[in-house]
N, C-alpha and C. Protein backbone atom coordinates (compact mmCIF):
# COMPACT_ATOMS: atom_id res chain seq x y z
N MET A 1 4.14 -16.54 27.52
CA MET A 1 3.70 -16.48 26.58
C MET A 1 4.04 -16.34 24.79
N ASN A 2 3.90 -17.96 23.69
CA ASN A 2 3.95 -18.06 22.91
C ASN A 2 2.86 -17.80 21.64
N ILE A 3 2.60 -16.56 21.12
CA ILE A 3 1.95 -16.98 20.34
C ILE A 3 2.43 -16.10 19.55
N SER A 4 1.69 -16.68 18.12
CA SER A 4 2.14 -16.01 16.80
C SER A 4 1.12 -15.72 16.85
N VAL A 5 1.90 -14.89 15.45
CA VAL A 5 1.58 -13.03 14.60
C VAL A 5 -0.01 -13.30 13.55
N SER A 6 0.03 -15.19 13.35
CA SER A 6 -1.34 -15.76 13.23
C SER A 6 -2.26 -15.63 13.36
N GLU A 7 -1.83 -15.93 14.55
CA GLU A 7 -3.17 -16.17 16.18
C GLU A 7 -3.54 -14.62 16.49
N LEU A 8 -2.51 -13.99 16.77
CA LEU A 8 -3.06 -12.71 17.21
C LEU A 8 -3.89 -11.64 15.58
N ILE A 9 -3.23 -12.03 14.46
CA ILE A 9 -4.05 -12.07 13.57
C ILE A 9 -5.92 -12.39 13.81
N GLY A 10 -5.68 -13.36 13.53
CA GLY A 10 -6.81 -13.97 13.57
C GLY A 10 -7.90 -13.64 14.71
N LYS A 11 -7.15 -13.14 15.87
CA LYS A 11 -7.97 -13.46 16.97
C LYS A 11 -8.34 -11.86 17.49
N TYR A 12 -7.38 -11.20 16.51
CA TYR A 12 -7.96 -9.00 17.12
C TYR A 12 -8.27 -8.62 15.60
N GLY A 13 -7.80 -9.18 14.71
CA GLY A 13 -8.35 -8.85 13.06
C GLY A 13 -9.73 -9.30 12.64
N HIS A 14 -10.87 -8.29 11.55
CA HIS A 14 -11.25 -9.02 11.63
C HIS A 14 -11.65 -8.65 9.79
N GLU A 15 -12.59 -9.41 9.45
CA GLU A 15 -12.68 -10.57 8.12
C GLU A 15 -12.39 -9.36 7.46
N VAL A 16 -12.17 -9.10 6.10
CA VAL A 16 -12.24 -8.84 4.79
C VAL A 16 -12.26 -9.76 3.78
N SER A 17 -12.98 -9.39 2.60
CA SER A 17 -12.62 -10.31 1.63
C SER A 17 -11.91 -9.57 0.24
N ILE A 18 -11.37 -10.55 0.26
CA ILE A 18 -10.52 -10.07 -1.02
C ILE A 18 -10.91 -10.83 -2.85
N THR A 19 -10.77 -9.98 -3.14
CA THR A 19 -11.49 -10.88 -5.23
C THR A 19 -10.37 -10.06 -5.97
N ASN A 20 -9.92 -11.45 -6.15
CA ASN A 20 -8.78 -11.90 -6.91
C ASN A 20 -8.72 -10.70 -8.95
N SER A 21 -8.31 -9.86 -9.12
CA SER A 21 -8.86 -9.27 -10.13
C SER A 21 -8.03 -9.65 -11.83
N ALA A 22 -7.37 -11.07 -11.51
CA ALA A 22 -7.04 -11.93 -11.99
C ALA A 22 -8.41 -12.69 -13.10
N ASN A 23 -8.56 -13.18 -11.18
CA ASN A 23 -9.60 -14.45 -12.21
C ASN A 23 -10.88 -14.36 -11.15
N SER A 24 -11.43 -13.70 -10.29
CA SER A 24 -12.15 -13.24 -9.96
C SER A 24 -13.31 -13.82 -8.84
N THR A 25 -11.79 -14.43 -9.19
CA THR A 25 -12.38 -15.63 -7.13
C THR A 25 -12.31 -14.44 -5.50
N VAL A 26 -13.48 -15.06 -4.74
CA VAL A 26 -13.40 -14.15 -3.88
C VAL A 26 -12.86 -15.16 -3.00
N GLN A 27 -12.01 -14.79 -1.33
CA GLN A 27 -11.26 -15.26 -0.10
C GLN A 27 -11.69 -14.63 0.91
N LYS A 28 -11.33 -15.49 1.77
CA LYS A 28 -12.11 -13.96 2.94
C LYS A 28 -11.11 -14.31 3.91
N VAL A 29 -10.42 -13.70 4.75
CA VAL A 29 -9.19 -13.84 5.36
C VAL A 29 -9.02 -12.70 6.74
N GLN A 30 -9.29 -12.73 7.47
CA GLN A 30 -8.37 -11.92 8.46
C GLN A 30 -7.52 -10.90 8.47
N ALA A 31 -7.91 -9.63 9.05
CA ALA A 31 -6.78 -8.55 9.02
C ALA A 31 -6.92 -7.48 9.32
N PHE A 32 -6.23 -6.71 9.79
CA PHE A 32 -5.68 -5.01 9.68
C PHE A 32 -5.76 -4.34 8.84
N ILE A 33 -6.55 -2.98 8.93
CA ILE A 33 -6.36 -2.07 7.52
C ILE A 33 -6.27 -0.79 8.47
N GLN A 34 -5.45 -0.02 8.32
CA GLN A 34 -5.34 1.06 9.29
C GLN A 34 -4.67 1.95 8.10
N PRO A 35 -5.34 3.45 8.64
CA PRO A 35 -4.85 4.33 7.67
C PRO A 35 -2.69 4.21 7.66
N PHE A 36 -2.41 4.21 6.84
CA PHE A 36 -0.79 4.28 6.25
C PHE A 36 -0.29 5.58 6.52
N ARG A 37 0.64 6.38 7.63
CA ARG A 37 1.13 6.94 7.96
C ARG A 37 2.65 6.89 7.73
N PRO A 38 3.65 7.31 6.98
CA PRO A 38 4.99 6.78 6.97
C PRO A 38 5.84 7.47 7.40
N ASN A 39 6.48 7.02 7.22
CA ASN A 39 8.51 8.61 8.44
C ASN A 39 9.18 9.28 7.23
N SER A 40 8.63 7.61 5.46
CA SER A 40 9.20 7.98 5.09
C SER A 40 8.58 7.69 3.22
N ASP A 41 9.37 8.44 2.23
CA ASP A 41 8.69 7.62 1.28
C ASP A 41 9.20 6.27 0.49
N THR A 42 10.35 5.29 1.22
CA THR A 42 11.00 3.99 0.62
C THR A 42 9.95 3.17 0.17
N TYR A 43 9.13 3.40 1.53
CA TYR A 43 7.89 1.75 1.31
C TYR A 43 6.90 2.40 0.20
N LEU A 44 6.59 3.77 -0.17
CA LEU A 44 5.70 4.11 -1.33
C LEU A 44 6.99 4.44 -2.98
N MET A 45 8.15 3.95 -3.18
CA MET A 45 8.71 4.84 -4.14
C MET A 45 7.90 3.86 -5.50
N ASP A 46 7.56 2.22 -5.30
CA ASP A 46 7.15 1.65 -6.13
C ASP A 46 5.29 1.97 -6.50
N THR A 47 4.39 2.63 -5.52
CA THR A 47 3.21 2.91 -6.29
C THR A 47 3.31 4.20 -6.87
N ASP A 48 1.85 4.72 -7.20
CA ASP A 48 1.51 5.71 -7.56
C ASP A 48 1.38 6.17 -7.43
N ASN A 49 1.22 6.36 -6.08
CA ASN A 49 0.97 7.03 -4.75
C ASN A 49 1.79 9.01 -4.03
N SER A 50 2.02 9.71 -3.10
CA SER A 50 2.09 10.18 -3.04
C SER A 50 2.40 9.47 -1.10
N SER A 51 2.98 10.15 -0.35
CA SER A 51 2.78 9.06 0.90
C SER A 51 2.08 10.78 1.54
N ASN A 52 1.78 11.98 1.16
CA ASN A 52 0.56 12.59 1.94
C ASN A 52 -0.38 12.66 1.52
N ASP A 53 -0.70 11.51 0.48
CA ASP A 53 -2.36 10.85 0.10
C ASP A 53 -2.97 9.69 1.12
N ASP A 54 -4.25 11.09 1.63
CA ASP A 54 -5.07 10.40 2.92
C ASP A 54 -5.74 8.94 2.22
N GLY A 55 -5.53 8.81 1.18
CA GLY A 55 -5.96 7.54 0.47
C GLY A 55 -5.72 6.10 0.75
N ILE A 56 -4.83 6.45 1.52
CA ILE A 56 -3.29 4.81 1.15
C ILE A 56 -3.78 4.51 2.70
N TYR A 57 -3.65 3.26 2.22
CA TYR A 57 -3.61 1.93 4.18
C TYR A 57 -3.05 0.93 3.77
N LEU A 58 -2.82 0.74 4.83
CA LEU A 58 -1.52 -0.25 5.24
C LEU A 58 -2.58 -1.50 6.18
N TYR A 59 -2.73 -3.25 4.68
CA TYR A 59 -2.84 -4.30 5.24
C TYR A 59 -1.99 -5.12 5.86
N ILE A 60 -2.36 -5.78 6.84
CA ILE A 60 -1.72 -6.77 8.10
C ILE A 60 -2.67 -7.96 7.70
N GLY A 61 -1.88 -9.01 7.08
CA GLY A 61 -3.09 -9.85 6.86
C GLY A 61 -2.48 -11.63 7.70
N ASP A 62 -3.40 -12.56 7.28
CA ASP A 62 -2.69 -14.03 7.80
C ASP A 62 -1.79 -14.10 6.20
N PRO A 63 -1.36 -14.84 6.53
CA PRO A 63 -0.88 -15.31 5.40
C PRO A 63 -1.37 -16.95 5.13
N GLY A 64 -2.09 -17.69 5.22
CA GLY A 64 -2.87 -18.66 5.13
C GLY A 64 -3.59 -17.86 3.33
N VAL A 65 -3.63 -16.15 2.64
CA VAL A 65 -3.89 -15.86 1.72
C VAL A 65 -2.86 -15.13 1.02
N ARG A 66 -2.18 -15.28 0.00
CA ARG A 66 -0.95 -15.61 0.03
C ARG A 66 -1.17 -13.37 -1.15
N LEU A 67 -1.70 -12.45 -0.72
CA LEU A 67 -1.78 -11.36 -1.34
C LEU A 67 -0.64 -10.62 -2.16
N ASP A 68 0.19 -11.33 -1.29
CA ASP A 68 1.97 -10.93 -2.27
C ASP A 68 1.78 -11.44 -3.69
N THR A 69 1.38 -13.01 -3.87
CA THR A 69 1.11 -13.11 -5.10
C THR A 69 -0.51 -12.46 -6.65
N TYR A 70 -1.00 -12.17 -5.61
CA TYR A 70 -1.83 -11.78 -6.25
C TYR A 70 -2.64 -10.31 -7.36
N PRO A 71 -2.53 -9.94 -8.85
CA PRO A 71 -1.91 -9.29 -9.08
C PRO A 71 -2.88 -7.73 -8.66
N ILE A 72 -1.72 -6.68 -8.92
CA ILE A 72 -1.96 -5.40 -8.85
C ILE A 72 -3.37 -4.68 -8.92
N GLY A 73 -4.10 -4.04 -8.41
CA GLY A 73 -5.55 -4.25 -9.22
C GLY A 73 -6.78 -4.76 -8.04
N THR A 74 -6.37 -5.46 -7.32
CA THR A 74 -7.04 -6.61 -6.68
C THR A 74 -7.77 -5.97 -5.64
N GLN A 75 -9.18 -6.10 -5.63
CA GLN A 75 -10.06 -5.89 -4.76
C GLN A 75 -10.04 -6.45 -3.38
N ILE A 76 -9.97 -5.32 -2.55
CA ILE A 76 -10.46 -5.79 -0.73
C ILE A 76 -11.15 -4.66 -0.25
N GLN A 77 -12.14 -5.41 0.19
CA GLN A 77 -13.22 -4.70 0.77
C GLN A 77 -13.68 -5.20 2.41
N ASP A 78 -14.06 -4.68 3.54
CA ASP A 78 -14.47 -4.43 4.46
C ASP A 78 -15.45 -3.29 5.73
N ASP A 79 -16.31 -3.72 5.85
CA ASP A 79 -17.38 -3.17 6.54
C ASP A 79 -17.80 -2.33 5.87
N GLY A 80 -18.10 -1.96 4.17
CA GLY A 80 -18.99 -1.12 4.18
C GLY A 80 -17.53 -0.74 2.70
N ASN A 81 -16.10 0.15 3.22
CA ASN A 81 -15.18 0.09 2.75
C ASN A 81 -14.34 -0.84 1.09
N ASN A 82 -14.24 0.00 0.58
CA ASN A 82 -13.17 -0.60 -0.90
C ASN A 82 -12.28 -0.39 -1.15
N TYR A 83 -11.20 -1.09 -1.09
CA TYR A 83 -9.52 -0.85 -1.23
C TYR A 83 -8.96 -1.54 -2.89
N ILE A 84 -8.02 -0.79 -3.47
CA ILE A 84 -7.85 -1.70 -4.29
C ILE A 84 -5.78 -1.58 -4.00
N LEU A 85 -5.43 -2.80 -4.31
CA LEU A 85 -4.22 -3.82 -4.43
C LEU A 85 -3.37 -2.65 -4.87
N LYS A 86 -2.30 -1.82 -4.20
CA LYS A 86 -1.03 -0.86 -4.53
C LYS A 86 0.31 -1.93 -5.04
N LYS A 87 0.06 -2.82 -3.68
CA LYS A 87 1.90 -3.52 -3.00
C LYS A 87 1.68 -4.15 -2.82
N ALA A 88 2.28 -5.47 -2.67
CA ALA A 88 2.71 -6.49 -1.22
C ALA A 88 3.15 -6.93 -0.96
N ASP A 89 3.58 -7.57 0.32
CA ASP A 89 5.07 -8.09 0.61
C ASP A 89 4.63 -9.70 1.54
N SER A 90 5.53 -10.85 1.54
CA SER A 90 5.73 -11.20 2.71
C SER A 90 6.47 -11.43 3.15
N ILE A 91 5.84 -11.17 5.09
CA ILE A 91 7.27 -10.97 5.35
C ILE A 91 7.15 -12.25 6.43
N LYS A 92 8.89 -12.50 6.32
CA LYS A 92 9.25 -13.65 6.34
C LYS A 92 10.03 -14.16 8.14
N ILE A 93 9.94 -14.87 8.74
CA ILE A 93 11.24 -15.13 9.47
C ILE A 93 11.95 -16.97 9.13
N ALA A 94 13.24 -16.63 8.54
CA ALA A 94 14.32 -17.09 8.14
C ALA A 94 13.04 -18.05 6.95
N GLU A 95 12.74 -19.15 6.67
CA GLU A 95 12.28 -19.41 5.09
C GLU A 95 10.34 -19.36 5.58
N SER A 96 10.16 -19.02 6.76
CA SER A 96 8.00 -19.36 7.35
C SER A 96 7.56 -17.71 7.04
N VAL A 97 6.88 -17.42 6.32
CA VAL A 97 5.77 -16.87 6.20
C VAL A 97 4.88 -16.15 7.82
N ILE A 98 5.35 -15.27 8.30
CA ILE A 98 4.51 -14.90 9.08
C ILE A 98 3.31 -13.39 9.37
N TYR A 99 3.51 -12.88 7.88
CA TYR A 99 2.26 -12.23 8.24
C TYR A 99 2.40 -11.60 6.53
N ILE A 100 0.93 -11.26 5.76
CA ILE A 100 1.20 -10.73 4.84
C ILE A 100 1.29 -8.91 4.97
N ARG A 101 1.57 -7.96 4.06
CA ARG A 101 2.05 -6.35 5.33
C ARG A 101 1.58 -5.97 3.20
N ALA A 102 0.71 -5.29 3.02
CA ALA A 102 0.14 -4.29 1.74
C ALA A 102 -0.12 -3.25 1.59
N ILE A 103 -0.25 -2.21 0.51
CA ILE A 103 -0.44 -0.84 0.68
C ILE A 103 -2.11 -0.81 0.25
N LEU A 104 -2.36 -0.53 0.05
CA LEU A 104 -4.00 -1.01 -0.46
C LEU A 104 -4.20 1.28 -0.62
N HIS A 105 -5.12 1.66 -1.53
CA HIS A 105 -5.19 2.71 -2.05
C HIS A 105 -6.98 2.84 -1.61
N LYS A 106 -8.08 3.78 -0.97
CA LYS A 106 -8.94 3.25 -0.93
C LYS A 106 -9.62 4.12 -1.93
N ASN A 107 -10.80 3.35 -2.19
CA ASN A 107 -11.77 3.43 -3.70
C ASN A 107 -12.85 5.09 -2.88
C-alpha cells in the first residue's frame, strides 16, 4: 500500500476554517488538532507558552493551505473551538512539502 500523508489527512482529518489575521481571508482544509504533550520544551522555545499549559494544541494539516506562511495570530476554528496560531512549519521530504505542523493556543 502506497498512500501519501495528504491522502491520510484528507481521509481521516476533519474540516477546519483558517482566518488569515493579515487580510481576513478564510480557507477550509482537512487537519488534525489534538492536545500537545511534548517530552521537552524544544518546540515551544519560540512561543510565549510553557510546556505545561493545557491550552496548547498540535495541528497537522494538508499542505494545500500553507499555514506556515500565515502570520502569528491567525485564527483556526473547528467544531466550535477557536485557536490562535503560535508557530508553524512545513515538513518536507527532499523539496516536497508533505504536511504542515503548527502549535496553536486554544481561546
